[in-house]
Protein backbone atom coordinates (compact mmCIF):
# COMPACT_ATOMS: atom_id res chain seq x y z
CA MET A 1 24.29 -0.14 -16.07
CA LYS A 2 25.87 2.35 -13.85
CA LEU A 3 22.62 3.97 -12.89
CA PHE A 4 22.55 3.12 -9.23
CA LYS A 5 26.16 3.07 -8.22
CA ARG A 6 25.55 6.21 -6.28
CA LEU A 7 23.09 4.34 -4.05
CA ILE A 8 25.63 1.90 -2.68
CA PRO A 9 26.65 4.06 0.45
CA LEU A 10 23.09 4.39 1.53
CA ALA A 11 22.25 1.92 4.31
CA LEU A 12 20.98 1.51 7.86
CA ALA A 13 22.53 -0.24 10.82
CA LEU A 14 21.00 -3.59 11.56
CA SER A 15 19.84 -2.32 14.93
CA MET A 16 16.93 -0.52 13.09
CA LEU A 17 15.29 -3.82 12.66
CA ALA A 18 14.38 -3.72 16.35
CA GLY A 19 12.39 -0.57 15.61
CA CYS A 20 10.49 -2.24 12.91
CA ALA A 21 8.65 -4.58 15.20
CA GLN A 22 5.03 -5.39 14.61
CA GLY A 23 2.55 -2.75 15.77
CA ALA A 24 0.08 -3.38 18.50
CA ALA A 25 -3.44 -4.41 17.47
CA ASN A 26 -6.28 -2.09 18.29
CA THR A 27 -9.47 -4.20 18.55
CA GLY A 28 -12.84 -3.75 20.08
CA ALA A 29 -15.95 -1.92 19.06
CA SER A 30 -19.55 -1.44 20.13
CA SER A 31 -22.29 -3.91 19.17
CA SER A 32 -26.02 -4.43 19.34
CA GLU A 33 -28.43 -7.26 18.51
CA GLU A 34 -30.81 -4.57 17.29
CA LEU A 35 -28.58 -4.02 14.25
CA ASP A 36 -29.50 -7.43 12.79
CA GLU A 37 -32.74 -6.15 11.27
CA TYR A 38 -30.88 -3.64 9.06
CA TYR A 39 -28.67 -6.21 7.36
CA VAL A 40 -29.82 -6.74 3.78
CA ASP A 41 -27.32 -9.45 2.78
CA GLN A 42 -26.54 -11.27 6.07
CA VAL A 43 -24.07 -14.07 5.78
CA ALA A 44 -25.67 -17.45 6.24
CA PHE A 45 -22.81 -18.73 8.30
CA GLU A 46 -21.24 -17.51 11.47
CA ASP A 47 -19.92 -13.94 11.67
CA VAL A 48 -16.59 -13.25 10.00
CA THR A 49 -13.70 -13.00 12.40
CA ILE A 50 -11.14 -10.28 11.52
CA GLU A 51 -7.89 -9.58 13.24
CA ASP A 52 -6.64 -6.04 12.81
CA GLU A 53 -3.59 -5.71 10.54
CA ALA A 54 -0.39 -4.69 12.12
CA VAL A 55 1.41 -1.60 10.97
CA ALA A 56 4.63 -2.06 8.99
CA LEU A 57 7.21 -0.32 11.10
CA ALA A 58 10.59 -1.69 10.20
CA GLY A 59 12.63 1.10 10.23
CA THR A 60 7.32 0.34 -19.94
CA PRO A 61 4.12 2.24 -19.25
CA ALA A 62 5.69 5.63 -18.64
CA LEU A 63 2.51 7.68 -18.75
CA ASN A 64 2.23 11.51 -19.01
CA ASP A 65 -1.27 11.80 -17.45
CA MET A 66 -1.94 10.85 -13.93
CA LEU A 67 -4.46 7.93 -13.62
CA LEU A 68 -7.12 8.66 -11.05
CA PRO A 69 -9.89 6.19 -10.07
CA VAL A 70 -13.60 6.89 -10.78
CA ALA A 71 -16.80 5.23 -9.70
CA SER A 72 -18.25 4.87 -13.27
CA GLY A 73 -21.54 3.22 -12.31
CA LYS A 74 -21.37 0.69 -15.13
CA ALA A 75 -21.06 -2.40 -12.98
CA VAL A 76 -22.48 -1.93 -9.53
CA LYS A 77 -23.75 -4.06 -6.61
CA ASN A 78 -25.69 -2.05 -4.00
CA ASN A 79 -28.39 -1.99 -1.35
CA THR A 80 -29.66 0.64 1.06
CA ARG A 81 -26.49 0.55 3.08
CA ALA A 82 -23.48 0.18 0.68
CA THR A 83 -22.35 0.32 -2.99
CA ILE A 84 -19.61 -1.69 -4.62
CA ASP A 85 -18.53 -0.24 -8.02
CA TYR A 86 -16.53 -2.73 -10.00
CA SER A 87 -16.78 -0.94 -13.36
CA ASN A 88 -13.01 -0.62 -13.75
CA THR A 89 -11.62 -3.93 -12.71
CA GLY A 90 -9.59 -4.01 -15.97
CA ASP A 91 -7.77 -1.04 -14.61
CA GLY A 92 -6.92 -2.89 -11.42
CA TYR A 93 -9.27 -1.38 -8.77
CA VAL A 94 -12.69 -1.54 -7.20
CA MET A 95 -14.42 1.25 -5.28
CA VAL A 96 -16.62 1.01 -2.21
CA LYS A 97 -18.95 3.44 -0.39
CA PHE A 98 -20.88 2.87 2.81
CA THR A 99 -24.06 4.91 2.43
CA GLY A 100 -25.84 3.88 5.64
CA THR A 101 -25.62 5.18 9.14
CA THR A 102 -23.46 3.40 11.79
CA LYS A 103 -21.41 3.97 14.83
CA THR A 104 -19.56 0.75 14.57
CA ARG A 105 -16.35 -0.16 12.70
CA LEU A 106 -16.49 -0.99 9.00
CA LYS A 107 -14.16 -3.28 7.02
CA VAL A 108 -13.78 -4.28 3.38
CA GLN A 109 -12.45 -7.58 2.36
CA VAL A 110 -11.01 -8.18 -1.12
CA ILE A 111 -10.62 -11.86 -1.68
CA GLY A 112 -8.52 -12.57 -4.75
CA PRO A 113 -7.29 -15.76 -6.45
CA LYS A 114 -4.37 -16.02 -4.06
CA THR A 115 -4.68 -13.51 -1.17
CA THR A 116 -7.31 -12.04 1.20
CA TYR A 117 -6.90 -8.35 1.83
CA THR A 118 -8.75 -6.68 4.69
CA TYR A 119 -9.12 -2.87 4.87
CA ASN A 120 -10.81 -0.30 7.18
CA LEU A 121 -13.61 1.68 5.63
CA ASN A 122 -14.99 5.10 6.53
CA ALA A 123 -18.71 5.76 6.04
CA GLY A 124 -19.96 8.23 3.45
CA GLU A 125 -17.00 8.39 1.11
CA TRP A 126 -15.80 6.51 -1.91
CA THR A 127 -12.61 4.46 -1.21
CA THR A 128 -10.42 2.71 -3.75
CA PHE A 129 -8.94 -0.79 -3.29
CA PRO A 130 -6.37 -2.47 -5.62
CA LEU A 131 -6.88 -5.83 -7.25
CA SER A 132 -3.37 -6.86 -6.33
CA ASP A 133 -3.78 -10.59 -7.20
CA GLY A 134 -4.06 -9.83 -10.92
CA ASN A 135 -6.43 -11.81 -13.17
CA GLY A 136 -9.02 -14.15 -11.74
CA ASP A 137 -12.11 -14.42 -9.59
CA TYR A 138 -12.68 -11.89 -6.82
CA THR A 139 -15.18 -11.43 -3.94
CA VAL A 140 -15.48 -7.95 -2.38
CA SER A 141 -17.43 -7.64 0.85
CA VAL A 142 -18.50 -4.78 3.05
CA LEU A 143 -18.51 -5.86 6.73
CA GLU A 144 -19.79 -4.17 9.91
CA ASN A 145 -18.64 -4.90 13.40
CA THR A 146 -21.01 -6.81 15.67
CA THR A 147 -18.93 -7.55 18.73
CA GLY A 148 -15.28 -7.74 19.55
CA ASN A 149 -13.52 -8.83 16.33
CA LYS A 150 -16.70 -10.34 14.81
CA TYR A 151 -18.15 -8.74 11.64
CA ALA A 152 -21.37 -9.34 9.65
CA GLN A 153 -21.63 -9.02 5.91
CA VAL A 154 -23.61 -5.95 4.75
CA LEU A 155 -23.02 -6.39 0.97
CA ALA A 156 -20.86 -8.55 -1.36
CA ALA A 157 -20.10 -8.65 -5.02
CA LYS A 158 -18.36 -11.37 -7.05
CA PHE A 159 -16.70 -10.70 -10.41
CA LYS A 160 -13.92 -11.96 -12.74
CA VAL A 161 -10.95 -9.67 -13.37
CA SER A 162 -9.05 -9.40 -16.62
CA LEU A 163 -6.48 -6.60 -16.32
CA THR A 164 -5.63 -4.40 -19.30
CA ASP A 165 -2.03 -4.95 -18.28
CA GLU A 166 -0.06 -6.26 -15.24
CA PHE A 167 0.79 -2.70 -14.10
CA ALA A 168 -2.81 -1.47 -13.66
CA PRO A 169 -3.15 -2.07 -9.87
CA PHE A 170 0.24 -0.41 -9.31
CA LEU A 171 -0.18 2.95 -11.15
CA ARG A 172 -3.30 4.40 -9.59
CA PRO A 173 -4.00 5.83 -6.18
CA ASN A 174 -5.67 3.57 -3.66
CA GLN A 175 -6.38 3.63 0.03
CA TYR A 176 -2.79 2.80 0.98
CA VAL A 177 -1.13 5.02 -1.64
CA ASP A 178 -3.62 7.88 -1.92
CA TYR A 179 -1.53 10.28 -3.93
CA GLY A 180 -4.58 11.52 -5.85
CA VAL A 181 -5.34 13.94 -2.98
CA ALA A 182 -1.71 14.65 -2.11
CA THR A 183 -1.21 17.84 -4.18
CA ASN A 184 2.08 18.77 -2.55
CA THR A 185 3.59 15.33 -3.02
CA ILE A 186 2.61 15.28 -6.76
CA ALA A 187 4.05 18.79 -7.17
CA LYS A 188 7.28 17.81 -5.39
CA ALA A 189 7.71 14.69 -7.58
CA LYS A 190 7.16 16.70 -10.72
CA GLU A 191 9.69 19.32 -9.60
CA LEU A 192 12.31 16.68 -8.86
CA ALA A 193 11.68 14.88 -12.09
CA GLY A 194 12.13 18.03 -14.20
CA LYS A 195 12.28 16.91 -17.81
CA GLU A 196 13.41 13.43 -17.01
CA THR A 197 11.20 10.62 -18.44
CA ASP A 198 13.37 7.51 -18.10
CA PRO A 199 11.72 5.30 -15.46
CA LEU A 200 15.00 4.07 -13.80
CA LYS A 201 16.40 7.64 -13.58
CA LEU A 202 13.15 8.83 -12.05
CA VAL A 203 13.39 6.01 -9.42
CA GLU A 204 16.97 7.18 -8.73
CA ILE A 205 15.83 10.86 -8.33
CA ILE A 206 12.92 10.10 -6.02
CA TYR A 207 14.88 7.54 -4.04
CA ASN A 208 17.87 9.89 -3.48
CA TYR A 209 15.52 12.71 -2.31
CA VAL A 210 13.75 10.56 0.27
CA VAL A 211 16.74 8.74 1.74
CA ASN A 212 18.80 11.98 1.97
CA ASN A 213 16.11 14.23 3.45
CA PHE A 214 13.98 12.00 5.75
CA THR A 215 14.59 10.48 9.18
CA TYR A 216 13.00 7.48 10.93
CA ASP A 217 10.38 8.41 13.45
CA LYS A 218 11.01 6.31 16.49
CA GLN A 219 8.32 7.91 18.60
CA LEU A 220 5.61 7.18 16.05
CA ALA A 221 7.00 3.57 15.72
CA ALA A 222 6.49 3.15 19.51
CA THR A 223 2.99 4.54 19.57
CA VAL A 224 1.34 3.83 16.23
CA LYS A 225 -1.97 1.85 16.28
CA SER A 226 -3.48 -0.64 13.85
CA GLY A 227 -5.27 1.02 11.06
CA TYR A 228 -2.54 3.66 10.51
CA LEU A 229 -2.24 4.83 6.91
CA PRO A 230 0.31 7.20 5.52
CA VAL A 231 -0.99 10.74 4.65
CA LEU A 232 1.52 11.58 1.97
CA ASP A 233 1.50 15.29 2.17
CA ASN A 234 1.91 15.12 6.01
CA VAL A 235 4.86 12.79 5.59
CA LEU A 236 6.41 15.15 2.99
CA ALA A 237 6.03 18.17 5.28
CA ALA A 238 7.33 16.38 8.38
CA LYS A 239 10.22 14.78 6.48
CA LYS A 240 10.13 11.80 8.84
CA GLY A 241 8.09 8.65 9.33
CA ILE A 242 8.06 4.91 9.82
CA CYS A 243 8.72 2.29 7.12
CA PHE A 244 5.10 2.49 5.88
CA ASP A 245 5.42 6.20 5.36
CA TYR A 246 8.77 5.97 3.53
CA ALA A 247 7.49 3.23 1.14
CA GLY A 248 4.10 4.96 0.68
CA LEU A 249 5.55 8.33 -0.17
CA MET A 250 8.04 6.87 -2.66
CA THR A 251 5.32 4.79 -4.20
CA GLY A 252 3.00 7.77 -4.61
CA MET A 253 5.65 9.96 -6.06
CA LEU A 254 6.71 7.36 -8.60
CA ARG A 255 3.19 6.45 -9.66
CA SER A 256 2.28 10.09 -10.11
CA LEU A 257 5.23 10.19 -12.61
CA GLY A 258 3.91 7.15 -14.43
CA VAL A 259 6.38 4.66 -13.04
CA PRO A 260 4.75 1.31 -11.99
CA CYS A 261 5.56 0.73 -8.35
CA LYS A 262 4.34 -1.73 -5.75
CA LEU A 263 4.09 -0.94 -1.99
CA VAL A 264 5.17 -4.22 -0.43
CA VAL A 265 4.28 -5.23 3.10
CA GLY A 266 5.85 -8.30 4.70
CA TYR A 267 8.71 -9.46 6.84
CA ALA A 268 12.31 -8.31 6.81
CA GLY A 269 13.69 -11.13 8.96
CA THR A 270 11.20 -11.22 11.82
CA ALA A 271 10.27 -7.56 11.63
CA TYR A 272 6.97 -6.45 10.05
CA HIS A 273 8.07 -4.17 7.37
CA ALA A 274 7.29 -2.15 4.20
CA TRP A 275 9.38 -1.57 1.12
CA ILE A 276 8.92 -1.02 -2.70
CA SER A 277 9.28 -2.76 -6.01
CA VAL A 278 9.66 -0.89 -9.25
CA TRP A 279 9.35 -1.81 -12.91
CA SER A 280 11.16 -0.74 -16.00
CA GLU A 281 11.32 -2.07 -19.60
CA GLU A 282 15.04 -2.78 -19.12
CA THR A 283 14.69 -4.75 -15.89
CA GLY A 284 11.13 -5.89 -15.47
CA TRP A 285 9.97 -5.94 -11.83
CA VAL A 286 12.79 -5.43 -9.40
CA ASP A 287 11.13 -7.12 -6.40
CA GLY A 288 11.95 -5.27 -3.19
CA ALA A 289 14.84 -3.31 -4.67
CA ILE A 290 15.94 -0.22 -6.48
CA TYR A 291 19.67 -0.68 -6.02
CA PHE A 292 22.33 -1.58 -8.60
CA ASN A 293 25.92 -2.31 -7.47
CA GLY A 294 27.45 -1.93 -10.95
CA SER A 295 27.00 -5.51 -12.09
CA VAL A 296 23.86 -6.99 -10.57
CA TRP A 297 20.56 -5.66 -9.06
CA GLN A 298 20.37 -5.86 -5.29
CA ARG A 299 17.55 -5.35 -2.86
CA MET A 300 17.40 -1.93 -1.35
CA ASP A 301 15.12 -0.78 1.45
CA PRO A 302 14.28 2.96 1.58
CA THR A 303 13.86 3.00 5.35
CA PHE A 304 17.18 1.24 6.07
CA ALA A 305 19.04 3.38 3.54
CA SER A 306 17.68 6.75 4.73
CA SER A 307 19.01 6.45 8.23
CA GLY A 308 22.16 4.53 7.54
CA LYS A 309 25.80 5.45 7.37
CA GLY A 310 26.98 2.99 4.75
CA SER A 311 26.97 -0.18 6.86
CA GLU A 312 28.41 -3.00 4.88
CA SER A 313 26.58 -5.60 6.93
CA ILE A 314 23.16 -4.15 6.35
CA MET A 315 23.87 -3.81 2.64
CA LYS A 316 24.67 -7.53 2.65
CA TYR A 317 21.44 -8.26 4.49
CA ILE A 318 19.35 -6.12 2.09
CA GLY A 319 20.97 -7.81 -0.86
CA ASP A 320 19.92 -11.22 0.31
CA GLY A 321 16.37 -11.86 -0.97
CA SER A 322 15.80 -14.67 1.50
CA ASN A 323 15.61 -12.04 4.27
CA TYR A 324 12.42 -10.62 2.72
CA SER A 325 9.09 -12.37 2.81
CA VAL A 326 6.19 -10.71 0.91
CA LYS A 327 2.70 -10.76 2.52
CA TYR A 328 0.68 -8.04 0.74
CA LEU A 329 1.00 -5.82 -2.36
CA TYR A 330 -0.76 -2.48 -2.52
């Protein structure tokens, strides 16, 4: 129960919240009525309106083998322009590939039992999306920009999800935590872990490394555009980033070591923010926290902690769960 006493001094001044303000939207794309003839599965209703997602700025399955997603081809919906592979929904993910030709923006919507997630999609490559809502009915749609923030449906697939376990969506790489291609990040996590296998001790090791070696990138926070995603090896090399980078890097490192970890995006007070939740057999899910004060678990935010100087007020703020409001889990 003394595992995280050493983390108590790590905190950030409350003023960092101002640097975690919501990122500016980046909307607008080309359109053409001539594109209509190419849609195979046009929606029967009006075009879908999609607002670009803001960037989060505010400053026991312990597995030995890394779990990587694969497009198995066993359960597929496709047409001449896109493919949705939902062969591995039990493992908590779906994969999408746009196979057609386009000069317009592409989106993927994953509509779960409780939440609608909207992602950007690059043409010509498989992209993995988590089924973060757990068990239930899902609809996954590929959408193409028509004008402004209007999108038309290119392809959609509906399926029911029954996860092999609750951790499945939070162990594998996906678009937001793409550690499968981050060879340096994986190697660093393995180096830091050494022979350690206990999930909570691995959390402590990774946490301490990030908060003691990384700084908050105020310039990036001031200029970042909607659609920004952490590139983990780049974050590792730069040793700086915004909240999204901190949380994404820690999540990728921990997942690569077999520790279930959620990348959480939501609000810390009024600031749009990112943090992490971890799981262990001893504690279950520690929602938004990896900090233990010697008697009870407390919320701990990796961005706040990394730039802080032991502020008692920010520790009190972090420890109050009412200050955190979850919007998305990746």
